Each structure stands twice: as C-alpha cells, then as structure tokens.
Protein backbone atom coordinates (compact mmCIF):
# COMPACT_ATOMS: atom_id res chain seq x y z
CA MET A 1 -0.01 -0.02 0.01
CA PRO A 2 1.83 3.17 -1.13
CA VAL A 3 1.66 6.10 1.24
CA THR A 4 3.61 9.31 1.85
CA LEU A 5 5.90 9.77 4.79
CA GLU A 6 3.37 12.21 6.26
CA THR A 7 0.45 9.73 6.10
CA LYS A 8 2.34 6.52 6.95
CA LEU A 9 1.49 6.52 10.67
CA ASP A 10 -2.14 7.35 10.08
CA ARG A 11 -2.54 4.47 7.57
CA LEU A 12 -0.86 2.10 10.00
CA VAL A 13 -3.19 3.10 12.80
CA GLU A 14 -6.23 2.58 10.49
CA LYS A 15 -5.04 -0.97 9.83
CA LEU A 16 -4.37 -1.66 13.53
CA LYS A 17 -7.73 -0.32 14.59
CA GLU A 18 -9.73 -2.52 12.10
CA GLU A 19 -12.55 -4.51 13.61
CA GLU A 20 -12.15 -8.21 14.15
CA ARG A 21 -8.38 -8.35 14.05
CA GLY A 22 -6.29 -10.69 16.15
CA LEU A 23 -2.59 -9.98 16.82
CA ALA A 24 -0.54 -7.74 14.50
CA LEU A 25 3.16 -8.03 13.91
CA VAL A 26 4.73 -4.73 12.62
CA PHE A 27 8.28 -4.98 11.25
CA VAL A 28 10.55 -1.93 11.26
CA ARG A 29 14.17 -1.53 10.12
CA THR A 30 15.96 -0.28 13.37
CA LYS A 31 15.79 -0.69 17.09
CA HIS A 32 15.37 3.03 17.51
CA GLY A 33 12.51 3.01 14.98
CA ALA A 34 10.81 0.12 16.84
CA ASP A 35 10.94 2.06 20.14
CA LYS A 36 9.75 5.28 18.64
CA LEU A 37 6.84 3.62 16.77
CA ALA A 38 5.73 1.65 19.82
CA ARG A 39 5.74 4.79 21.98
CA LYS A 40 3.63 6.69 19.42
CA LEU A 41 1.13 3.84 18.94
CA SER A 42 0.70 3.48 22.72
CA ARG A 43 0.62 7.05 23.82
CA GLN A 44 -0.99 8.90 20.87
CA HIS A 45 -3.32 6.19 19.44
CA SER A 46 -4.12 3.94 22.35
CA VAL A 47 -2.89 0.82 20.60
CA LYS A 48 -1.63 -1.73 23.17
CA THR A 49 1.86 -2.46 21.95
CA VAL A 50 5.08 -4.31 22.91
CA VAL A 51 8.43 -3.95 21.25
CA MET A 52 11.18 -6.53 20.50
CA HIS A 53 14.66 -5.83 19.14
CA GLY A 54 18.24 -6.79 19.76
CA ASN A 55 18.57 -4.74 22.97
CA ILE A 56 15.81 -6.71 24.72
CA VAL A 57 17.22 -9.43 27.03
CA PRO A 58 15.91 -12.98 26.51
CA GLU A 59 13.95 -13.08 29.77
CA ARG A 60 12.14 -9.84 28.73
CA THR A 61 11.49 -11.20 25.26
CA ARG A 62 9.83 -14.33 26.73
CA ALA A 63 7.68 -12.20 29.02
CA LEU A 64 6.64 -10.00 26.09
CA ALA A 65 5.67 -13.07 24.05
CA ARG A 66 3.54 -14.31 26.95
CA ARG A 67 1.69 -10.96 27.04
CA LEU A 68 0.91 -11.42 23.33
CA ARG A 69 -0.19 -15.05 23.75
CA VAL A 70 -2.66 -14.19 26.57
CA GLY A 71 -4.08 -11.17 24.76
CA ARG A 72 -2.83 -8.41 27.08
CA VAL A 73 -1.46 -6.57 24.03
CA SER A 74 -2.56 -6.73 20.45
CA THR A 75 0.47 -5.39 18.53
CA LEU A 76 4.14 -6.36 18.42
CA VAL A 77 6.59 -3.89 16.84
CA ALA A 78 9.86 -5.58 16.08
CA THR A 79 12.90 -5.62 14.01
CA ASP A 80 12.96 -8.70 11.72
CA VAL A 81 15.96 -10.19 13.57
CA ALA A 82 14.20 -9.95 16.95
CA ALA A 83 11.04 -11.61 15.69
CA ARG A 84 12.86 -14.68 14.37
CA GLY A 85 11.67 -17.81 16.11
CA LEU A 86 8.75 -16.17 17.76
CA ASP A 87 5.90 -18.61 18.23
CA VAL A 88 2.60 -16.86 18.69
CA ASP A 89 -0.79 -18.00 17.42
CA ASP A 90 -3.66 -15.90 16.03
CA ILE A 91 -1.49 -13.36 14.14
CA THR A 92 -3.92 -11.86 11.62
CA HIS A 93 -1.82 -8.93 10.39
CA VAL A 94 1.86 -8.86 9.34
CA ILE A 95 2.83 -5.28 8.42
CA THR A 96 6.21 -4.20 7.11
CA LEU A 97 7.09 -0.53 7.31
CA ILE A 98 9.77 0.17 4.74
CA ARG A 99 11.05 3.14 2.75
CA ARG A 100 11.14 2.75 -1.03
CA THR A 101 14.83 3.62 -1.22
CA ALA A 102 15.83 1.19 1.54
CA THR A 103 17.12 -2.34 0.93
CA THR A 104 14.36 -4.59 2.19
CA THR A 105 14.51 -7.95 3.90
CA THR A 106 11.84 -10.54 3.21
CA CYS A 107 10.28 -11.74 6.42
CA THR A 108 8.29 -14.93 6.67
CA ALA A 109 5.77 -15.45 9.36
CA SER A 110 3.33 -18.27 9.97
CA ALA A 111 -0.01 -16.66 10.67
CA ALA A 112 -3.56 -17.66 11.25
CA PRO A 113 -5.57 -18.86 8.20
CA GLY A 114 -6.88 -15.81 6.37
CA ALA A 115 -4.21 -13.52 7.90
CA ARG A 116 -3.23 -10.41 5.91
CA ALA A 117 0.34 -9.25 5.02
CA VAL A 118 0.74 -5.56 4.24
CA ALA A 119 3.84 -3.74 3.08
CA VAL A 120 3.63 0.05 3.70
CA ARG A 121 6.02 1.77 1.35
CA ALA A 122 6.59 5.41 1.89
CA SER A 123 8.02 7.62 -0.77
CA ARG A 124 9.19 11.24 -0.24
CA SER A 125 6.69 12.67 -2.73
C-alpha cells in the first residue's frame, strides 16, 4: 500500500484499529525505529503495543511473548531479527514498514488462516 511519509502513521493506525483483528506483527528496520513507533502507537493512538529488538534481554522477550499469547497486548513492533523464532498463534496482520529507497529484507511469518500481509512503502513525494 503506497503512502507518503506524512500519512504512513495514520494508515498504519487505520489498519491496527480494524474490527475483528487478532494480533498484529509490525516490522521496522531499526531498534530506535521500533521503540519510537511503539511509543507513538501506545501514547498517541491507544494501541496496546510491545516492542522487541536486539537490545531486549531474552527473559524480557519471553515475558513480552507471553503478554501477546494471553491477549494483554494486540500489537508487536519488532525488527526482523528480533522476531525470528517467535511462536505466537492468532496473528492476523503482518505489516512491514519500509522506505522505497531502503534495501528490504523478506520476512516470513506463519500466521492464522486468512491473515493479511501488508507492506507500507513510503516515498518522499
């Protein structure tokens, strides 16, 4: 779904606030970007979010995964490396936030039957 840099967050929030969605997995490129996006989603848009990246210790990662499994949060923002090996059922949305000029990594996720995968590509124009 092509968007501009100015509308990227709004379009993401629209997707995350869709009715009848299970868990969402949002991939970002950097640890800093994951932290920043998770804060914005939680504070400005009331989306219950956890973040996973390389600076999260394994014990904390397991605790965050438990919060996802039991439904205490609905959205995981992660770098692709941090989400490797994550085993969570009922993922209905896998969203990749990328910039058109960036080199992209293909991420594979096993999701619930009927799950959606969305790539949000922002251009500067």
